[in-house]
């Protein structure tokens, strides 16, 4: 069984008051290579799907984006324009949230994080077993 993945966002943001339980067996994500399309800036309001998962502090849920290490760009957030692209890159078990590309990019820029749109990677990130282990750890 694989282990759940840690989000780098916790390195940048203050968690809600109170200690947050740490899920068992976390690992930091790292992709070694990206095959990205030519640069183009979609409109601010473009909906995107972002790898993310819930965290809990004193029983209060909140969402954290999952950030990844990139060999050239440092810490990056991945965003996908369709569910198919997200599943092809990270697998069907990857948890995610929908947001606006502009809101995501603005928030990430404040923390020195680059957003990569529709990267061509094939590295399943979460498995169904990871999700079950994570759910058990946060209950």
N, C-alpha and C. Protein backbone atom coordinates (compact mmCIF):
# COMPACT_ATOMS: atom_id res chain seq x y z
N UNK A 1 0.85 -1.18 0.00
CA UNK A 1 0.00 0.00 0.00
C UNK A 1 0.88 1.23 0.00
N UNK A 2 0.59 2.21 -0.83
CA UNK A 2 1.33 3.45 -0.87
C UNK A 2 1.00 4.32 0.32
N UNK A 3 1.68 5.43 0.42
CA UNK A 3 1.41 6.37 1.50
C UNK A 3 0.84 7.64 0.92
N UNK A 4 0.12 8.38 1.75
CA UNK A 4 -0.48 9.64 1.31
C UNK A 4 0.63 10.67 1.08
N UNK A 5 0.30 11.74 0.38
CA UNK A 5 1.28 12.75 0.01
C UNK A 5 1.11 14.00 0.86
N UNK A 6 2.20 14.62 1.21
CA UNK A 6 2.16 15.86 1.98
C UNK A 6 2.06 17.05 1.04
N UNK A 7 1.38 18.07 1.46
CA UNK A 7 1.28 19.29 0.68
C UNK A 7 2.34 20.27 1.15
N UNK A 8 3.03 20.90 0.23
CA UNK A 8 4.03 21.90 0.57
C UNK A 8 3.38 23.20 1.01
N UNK A 9 2.07 23.39 0.78
CA UNK A 9 1.42 24.63 1.15
C UNK A 9 1.55 24.89 2.64
N UNK A 10 1.63 23.83 3.44
CA UNK A 10 1.77 24.02 4.87
C UNK A 10 3.10 24.70 5.21
N UNK A 11 4.06 24.67 4.31
CA UNK A 11 5.32 25.39 4.53
C UNK A 11 5.12 26.90 4.42
N UNK A 12 4.03 27.34 3.81
CA UNK A 12 3.84 28.76 3.52
C UNK A 12 2.72 29.41 4.32
N UNK A 13 1.72 28.65 4.72
CA UNK A 13 0.55 29.22 5.36
C UNK A 13 0.43 28.79 6.81
N UNK A 14 -0.17 29.66 7.60
CA UNK A 14 -0.46 29.31 8.98
C UNK A 14 -1.67 28.38 8.99
N UNK A 15 -1.60 27.24 9.68
CA UNK A 15 -2.78 26.37 9.77
C UNK A 15 -3.79 26.99 10.71
N UNK A 16 -5.05 26.54 10.66
CA UNK A 16 -6.04 27.03 11.60
C UNK A 16 -5.56 26.76 13.03
N UNK A 17 -6.13 27.52 13.98
CA UNK A 17 -5.73 27.40 15.38
C UNK A 17 -5.83 25.95 15.87
N UNK A 18 -4.91 25.58 16.71
CA UNK A 18 -4.91 24.22 17.26
C UNK A 18 -4.03 23.30 16.44
N UNK A 19 -3.56 22.24 17.05
CA UNK A 19 -2.69 21.31 16.32
C UNK A 19 -3.47 20.51 15.30
N UNK A 20 -2.89 20.39 14.11
CA UNK A 20 -3.50 19.59 13.05
C UNK A 20 -2.93 18.18 13.14
N UNK A 21 -3.79 17.17 13.08
CA UNK A 21 -3.26 15.81 13.11
C UNK A 21 -2.44 15.53 11.87
N UNK A 22 -1.32 14.89 12.02
CA UNK A 22 -0.47 14.53 10.88
C UNK A 22 -0.86 13.16 10.37
N UNK A 23 -1.25 13.05 9.11
CA UNK A 23 -1.53 11.74 8.53
C UNK A 23 -0.27 10.88 8.56
N UNK A 24 -0.47 9.60 8.64
CA UNK A 24 0.63 8.66 8.75
C UNK A 24 1.34 8.49 7.41
N UNK A 25 2.68 8.43 7.43
CA UNK A 25 3.47 8.08 6.25
C UNK A 25 3.41 9.07 5.11
N UNK A 26 3.52 10.37 5.37
CA UNK A 26 3.46 11.36 4.30
C UNK A 26 4.77 11.41 3.53
N UNK A 27 4.68 11.77 2.24
CA UNK A 27 5.87 11.98 1.43
C UNK A 27 5.66 13.22 0.58
N UNK A 28 6.71 13.89 0.24
CA UNK A 28 6.64 15.08 -0.60
C UNK A 28 6.73 14.66 -2.06
N UNK A 29 5.95 15.30 -2.92
CA UNK A 29 5.92 14.96 -4.33
C UNK A 29 7.10 15.58 -5.06
N UNK A 30 7.56 14.92 -6.09
CA UNK A 30 8.65 15.46 -6.88
C UNK A 30 8.59 14.89 -8.29
N UNK A 31 8.37 15.73 -9.28
CA UNK A 31 8.42 15.31 -10.67
C UNK A 31 9.74 15.78 -11.25
N UNK A 32 10.40 14.96 -11.99
CA UNK A 32 11.71 15.31 -12.51
C UNK A 32 11.66 15.99 -13.87
N UNK A 33 10.54 15.86 -14.58
CA UNK A 33 10.51 16.44 -15.91
C UNK A 33 9.08 16.82 -16.28
N UNK A 34 8.93 17.85 -17.06
CA UNK A 34 7.64 18.29 -17.56
C UNK A 34 7.74 18.53 -19.06
N UNK A 35 6.69 18.22 -19.77
CA UNK A 35 6.60 18.52 -21.19
C UNK A 35 5.45 19.51 -21.31
N UNK A 36 5.77 20.79 -21.35
CA UNK A 36 4.74 21.81 -21.28
C UNK A 36 4.45 22.41 -22.65
N UNK A 37 3.20 22.80 -22.90
CA UNK A 37 2.86 23.46 -24.16
C UNK A 37 3.51 24.85 -24.22
N UNK A 38 3.51 25.42 -25.41
CA UNK A 38 4.05 26.77 -25.58
C UNK A 38 3.31 27.73 -24.65
N UNK A 39 4.00 28.72 -24.10
CA UNK A 39 3.37 29.64 -23.15
C UNK A 39 2.19 30.37 -23.78
N UNK A 40 1.11 30.38 -23.08
CA UNK A 40 -0.08 31.14 -23.44
C UNK A 40 -0.80 31.44 -22.13
N UNK A 41 -1.36 32.59 -22.01
CA UNK A 41 -2.02 32.98 -20.77
C UNK A 41 -3.53 32.93 -20.98
N UNK A 42 -4.19 31.93 -20.42
CA UNK A 42 -5.66 31.86 -20.52
C UNK A 42 -6.30 32.98 -19.70
N UNK A 43 -7.56 33.26 -19.96
CA UNK A 43 -8.25 34.30 -19.18
C UNK A 43 -8.24 34.00 -17.68
N UNK A 44 -8.30 35.05 -16.89
CA UNK A 44 -8.27 34.97 -15.43
C UNK A 44 -9.32 34.01 -14.88
N UNK A 45 -10.50 34.04 -15.44
CA UNK A 45 -11.63 33.26 -14.92
C UNK A 45 -11.64 31.80 -15.40
N UNK A 46 -10.65 31.35 -16.15
CA UNK A 46 -10.62 29.98 -16.67
C UNK A 46 -10.72 28.98 -15.52
N UNK A 47 -11.71 28.08 -15.53
CA UNK A 47 -11.80 27.09 -14.46
C UNK A 47 -10.69 26.04 -14.61
N UNK A 48 -10.09 25.67 -13.49
CA UNK A 48 -9.04 24.65 -13.49
C UNK A 48 -9.26 23.69 -12.32
N UNK A 49 -8.71 22.50 -12.45
CA UNK A 49 -8.74 21.48 -11.41
C UNK A 49 -7.34 21.39 -10.82
N UNK A 50 -7.25 21.47 -9.50
CA UNK A 50 -5.96 21.56 -8.83
C UNK A 50 -5.83 20.41 -7.82
N UNK A 51 -4.73 19.65 -7.86
CA UNK A 51 -4.53 18.62 -6.85
C UNK A 51 -4.59 19.24 -5.45
N UNK A 52 -5.44 18.69 -4.62
CA UNK A 52 -5.65 19.22 -3.27
C UNK A 52 -6.29 18.13 -2.43
N UNK A 53 -6.24 18.31 -1.13
CA UNK A 53 -6.92 17.37 -0.25
C UNK A 53 -7.28 18.06 1.06
N UNK A 54 -8.22 17.49 1.81
CA UNK A 54 -8.62 18.12 3.06
C UNK A 54 -7.61 17.88 4.18
N UNK A 55 -7.57 18.81 5.08
CA UNK A 55 -6.85 18.67 6.35
C UNK A 55 -7.85 19.03 7.44
N UNK A 56 -7.53 18.67 8.64
CA UNK A 56 -8.43 18.93 9.76
C UNK A 56 -7.64 19.48 10.94
N UNK A 57 -8.18 20.51 11.59
CA UNK A 57 -7.62 21.05 12.81
C UNK A 57 -8.76 21.20 13.80
N UNK A 58 -8.65 20.51 14.91
CA UNK A 58 -9.72 20.52 15.92
C UNK A 58 -11.07 20.17 15.31
N UNK A 59 -11.07 19.24 14.38
CA UNK A 59 -12.30 18.79 13.75
C UNK A 59 -12.83 19.71 12.67
N UNK A 60 -12.13 20.81 12.39
CA UNK A 60 -12.56 21.76 11.37
C UNK A 60 -11.82 21.46 10.07
N UNK A 61 -12.55 21.15 9.00
CA UNK A 61 -11.87 20.83 7.73
C UNK A 61 -11.43 22.09 6.99
N UNK A 62 -10.34 21.97 6.29
CA UNK A 62 -9.89 23.00 5.36
C UNK A 62 -9.15 22.30 4.23
N UNK A 63 -8.96 22.98 3.11
CA UNK A 63 -8.36 22.39 1.92
C UNK A 63 -6.95 22.95 1.73
N UNK A 64 -6.02 22.07 1.38
CA UNK A 64 -4.66 22.51 1.03
C UNK A 64 -4.35 22.07 -0.40
N UNK A 65 -3.72 22.93 -1.15
CA UNK A 65 -3.25 22.57 -2.48
C UNK A 65 -2.00 21.73 -2.33
N UNK A 66 -1.82 20.77 -3.20
CA UNK A 66 -0.60 19.98 -3.22
C UNK A 66 0.40 20.66 -4.15
N UNK A 67 1.59 20.88 -3.65
CA UNK A 67 2.64 21.53 -4.43
C UNK A 67 3.72 20.51 -4.74
N UNK A 68 4.44 20.75 -5.84
CA UNK A 68 5.41 19.79 -6.34
C UNK A 68 6.76 20.46 -6.55
N UNK A 69 7.81 19.67 -6.46
CA UNK A 69 9.16 20.17 -6.73
C UNK A 69 9.46 20.00 -8.20
N UNK A 70 9.94 21.07 -8.84
CA UNK A 70 10.31 21.05 -10.25
C UNK A 70 11.80 21.38 -10.34
N UNK A 71 12.58 20.65 -11.15
CA UNK A 71 14.03 20.86 -11.17
C UNK A 71 14.46 22.26 -11.62
N UNK A 72 13.66 22.93 -12.44
CA UNK A 72 14.03 24.26 -12.92
C UNK A 72 13.22 25.38 -12.28
N UNK A 73 11.94 25.13 -11.99
CA UNK A 73 11.04 26.18 -11.51
C UNK A 73 10.87 26.19 -9.99
N UNK A 74 11.52 25.29 -9.28
CA UNK A 74 11.36 25.25 -7.82
C UNK A 74 10.02 24.62 -7.45
N UNK A 75 9.31 25.26 -6.56
CA UNK A 75 8.01 24.75 -6.13
C UNK A 75 6.94 25.19 -7.12
N UNK A 76 6.13 24.23 -7.57
CA UNK A 76 5.07 24.54 -8.54
C UNK A 76 3.74 23.95 -8.08
N UNK A 77 2.67 24.60 -8.53
CA UNK A 77 1.32 24.07 -8.38
C UNK A 77 0.90 23.60 -9.77
N UNK A 78 0.24 22.47 -9.84
CA UNK A 78 -0.26 21.97 -11.12
C UNK A 78 -1.74 22.31 -11.24
N UNK A 79 -2.16 22.68 -12.44
CA UNK A 79 -3.56 22.97 -12.72
C UNK A 79 -3.91 22.32 -14.04
N UNK A 80 -5.12 21.78 -14.12
CA UNK A 80 -5.57 21.07 -15.31
C UNK A 80 -6.89 21.65 -15.78
N UNK A 81 -7.03 21.75 -17.10
CA UNK A 81 -8.24 22.35 -17.67
C UNK A 81 -9.37 21.35 -17.83
N UNK A 82 -9.09 20.05 -17.75
CA UNK A 82 -10.16 19.04 -17.84
C UNK A 82 -9.87 17.91 -16.85
N UNK A 83 -10.91 17.22 -16.40
CA UNK A 83 -10.69 16.06 -15.53
C UNK A 83 -9.85 14.99 -16.23
N UNK A 84 -10.04 14.82 -17.54
CA UNK A 84 -9.28 13.81 -18.28
C UNK A 84 -7.78 14.08 -18.18
N UNK A 85 -7.37 15.33 -18.34
CA UNK A 85 -5.94 15.67 -18.26
C UNK A 85 -5.38 15.43 -16.86
N UNK A 86 -6.16 15.75 -15.85
CA UNK A 86 -5.71 15.50 -14.47
C UNK A 86 -5.53 14.00 -14.24
N UNK A 87 -6.50 13.20 -14.66
CA UNK A 87 -6.43 11.74 -14.47
C UNK A 87 -5.27 11.14 -15.26
N UNK A 88 -5.06 11.61 -16.49
CA UNK A 88 -3.94 11.10 -17.28
C UNK A 88 -2.60 11.38 -16.61
N UNK A 89 -2.47 12.52 -15.97
CA UNK A 89 -1.21 12.92 -15.35
C UNK A 89 -1.02 12.30 -13.96
N UNK A 90 -2.06 12.31 -13.14
CA UNK A 90 -1.89 11.95 -11.73
C UNK A 90 -2.69 10.72 -11.28
N UNK A 91 -3.52 10.19 -12.15
CA UNK A 91 -4.30 9.00 -11.80
C UNK A 91 -5.70 9.33 -11.33
N UNK A 92 -6.57 8.33 -11.40
CA UNK A 92 -7.99 8.51 -11.09
C UNK A 92 -8.27 8.74 -9.61
N UNK A 93 -7.35 8.37 -8.73
CA UNK A 93 -7.58 8.52 -7.29
C UNK A 93 -7.13 9.88 -6.76
N UNK A 94 -6.55 10.72 -7.61
CA UNK A 94 -6.04 12.01 -7.15
C UNK A 94 -7.17 12.92 -6.67
N UNK A 95 -7.14 13.36 -5.41
CA UNK A 95 -8.15 14.34 -4.96
C UNK A 95 -7.84 15.71 -5.57
N UNK A 96 -8.88 16.50 -5.81
CA UNK A 96 -8.70 17.80 -6.42
C UNK A 96 -9.83 18.73 -6.04
N UNK A 97 -9.62 20.02 -6.31
CA UNK A 97 -10.67 21.03 -6.16
C UNK A 97 -10.69 21.86 -7.44
N UNK A 98 -11.82 22.48 -7.71
CA UNK A 98 -11.95 23.38 -8.85
C UNK A 98 -11.83 24.82 -8.36
N UNK A 99 -11.13 25.63 -9.15
CA UNK A 99 -10.98 27.04 -8.83
C UNK A 99 -10.77 27.81 -10.12
N UNK A 100 -10.57 29.09 -10.03
CA UNK A 100 -10.26 29.93 -11.18
C UNK A 100 -8.74 30.00 -11.33
N UNK A 101 -8.26 29.93 -12.55
CA UNK A 101 -6.82 30.00 -12.80
C UNK A 101 -6.23 31.30 -12.24
N UNK A 102 -6.92 32.39 -12.42
CA UNK A 102 -6.42 33.68 -11.93
C UNK A 102 -6.30 33.73 -10.42
N UNK A 103 -7.31 33.24 -9.73
CA UNK A 103 -7.27 33.20 -8.27
C UNK A 103 -6.12 32.31 -7.80
N UNK A 104 -5.98 31.15 -8.42
CA UNK A 104 -4.89 30.24 -8.07
C UNK A 104 -3.53 30.89 -8.30
N UNK A 105 -3.33 31.46 -9.49
CA UNK A 105 -2.04 32.06 -9.83
C UNK A 105 -1.70 33.23 -8.90
N UNK A 106 -2.69 34.05 -8.57
CA UNK A 106 -2.46 35.17 -7.68
C UNK A 106 -2.05 34.69 -6.29
N UNK A 107 -2.78 33.70 -5.77
CA UNK A 107 -2.45 33.16 -4.45
C UNK A 107 -1.09 32.49 -4.42
N UNK A 108 -0.76 31.76 -5.46
CA UNK A 108 0.53 31.06 -5.49
C UNK A 108 1.68 32.05 -5.65
N UNK A 109 1.49 33.08 -6.48
CA UNK A 109 2.54 34.07 -6.70
C UNK A 109 2.93 34.75 -5.38
N UNK A 110 1.96 34.96 -4.50
CA UNK A 110 2.23 35.60 -3.20
C UNK A 110 3.21 34.76 -2.37
N UNK A 111 3.33 33.47 -2.68
CA UNK A 111 4.22 32.58 -1.94
C UNK A 111 5.40 32.11 -2.78
N UNK A 112 5.62 32.74 -3.94
CA UNK A 112 6.75 32.39 -4.78
C UNK A 112 6.59 31.06 -5.50
N UNK A 113 5.35 30.64 -5.73
CA UNK A 113 5.07 29.36 -6.37
C UNK A 113 4.57 29.61 -7.78
N UNK A 114 5.10 28.87 -8.74
CA UNK A 114 4.70 28.95 -10.14
C UNK A 114 3.56 27.97 -10.40
N UNK A 115 2.60 28.35 -11.24
CA UNK A 115 1.52 27.45 -11.64
C UNK A 115 1.86 26.88 -13.01
N UNK A 116 1.80 25.56 -13.14
CA UNK A 116 2.01 24.87 -14.42
C UNK A 116 0.65 24.37 -14.90
N UNK A 117 0.25 24.81 -16.08
CA UNK A 117 -1.06 24.46 -16.64
C UNK A 117 -0.95 23.28 -17.59
N UNK A 118 -1.73 22.25 -17.34
CA UNK A 118 -1.79 21.05 -18.17
C UNK A 118 -0.41 20.45 -18.48
N UNK A 119 0.40 20.20 -17.45
CA UNK A 119 1.70 19.58 -17.73
C UNK A 119 1.50 18.15 -18.22
N UNK A 120 2.35 17.71 -19.11
CA UNK A 120 2.28 16.34 -19.63
C UNK A 120 3.21 15.45 -18.80
N UNK A 121 2.68 14.98 -17.70
CA UNK A 121 3.42 14.06 -16.84
C UNK A 121 2.58 12.80 -16.69
N UNK A 122 3.19 11.74 -16.37
CA UNK A 122 2.46 10.50 -16.11
C UNK A 122 3.04 9.90 -14.84
N UNK A 123 2.51 10.34 -13.73
CA UNK A 123 3.01 9.90 -12.43
C UNK A 123 1.84 9.81 -11.47
N UNK A 124 1.13 8.69 -11.45
CA UNK A 124 0.02 8.59 -10.50
C UNK A 124 0.50 8.98 -9.11
N UNK A 125 -0.28 9.80 -8.49
CA UNK A 125 0.11 10.46 -7.26
C UNK A 125 -0.55 9.79 -6.05
N UNK A 126 -1.83 9.61 -6.09
CA UNK A 126 -2.59 8.93 -5.04
C UNK A 126 -3.17 7.65 -5.63
N UNK A 127 -3.30 6.63 -4.80
CA UNK A 127 -3.96 5.39 -5.19
C UNK A 127 -5.21 5.25 -4.33
N UNK A 128 -6.13 4.37 -4.69
CA UNK A 128 -7.29 4.14 -3.82
C UNK A 128 -6.86 3.74 -2.40
N UNK A 129 -5.78 2.98 -2.28
CA UNK A 129 -5.29 2.59 -0.96
C UNK A 129 -4.79 3.81 -0.18
N UNK A 130 -4.14 4.75 -0.88
CA UNK A 130 -3.70 5.99 -0.23
C UNK A 130 -4.89 6.74 0.36
N UNK A 131 -5.97 6.83 -0.44
CA UNK A 131 -7.15 7.54 0.03
C UNK A 131 -7.76 6.88 1.26
N UNK A 132 -7.82 5.56 1.24
CA UNK A 132 -8.37 4.84 2.39
C UNK A 132 -7.49 5.05 3.63
N UNK A 133 -6.18 4.98 3.46
CA UNK A 133 -5.25 5.19 4.59
C UNK A 133 -5.38 6.61 5.12
N UNK A 134 -5.49 7.58 4.22
CA UNK A 134 -5.61 8.99 4.63
C UNK A 134 -6.92 9.20 5.39
N UNK A 135 -8.01 8.65 4.85
CA UNK A 135 -9.31 8.80 5.51
C UNK A 135 -9.27 8.20 6.92
N UNK A 136 -8.62 7.05 7.06
CA UNK A 136 -8.50 6.43 8.39
C UNK A 136 -7.65 7.25 9.33
N UNK A 137 -6.62 7.91 8.81
CA UNK A 137 -5.71 8.68 9.65
C UNK A 137 -6.34 9.97 10.18
N UNK A 138 -7.27 10.56 9.42
CA UNK A 138 -7.85 11.84 9.84
C UNK A 138 -9.17 11.69 10.59
N UNK A 139 -9.62 10.47 10.75
CA UNK A 139 -10.88 10.28 11.50
C UNK A 139 -10.64 10.34 12.97
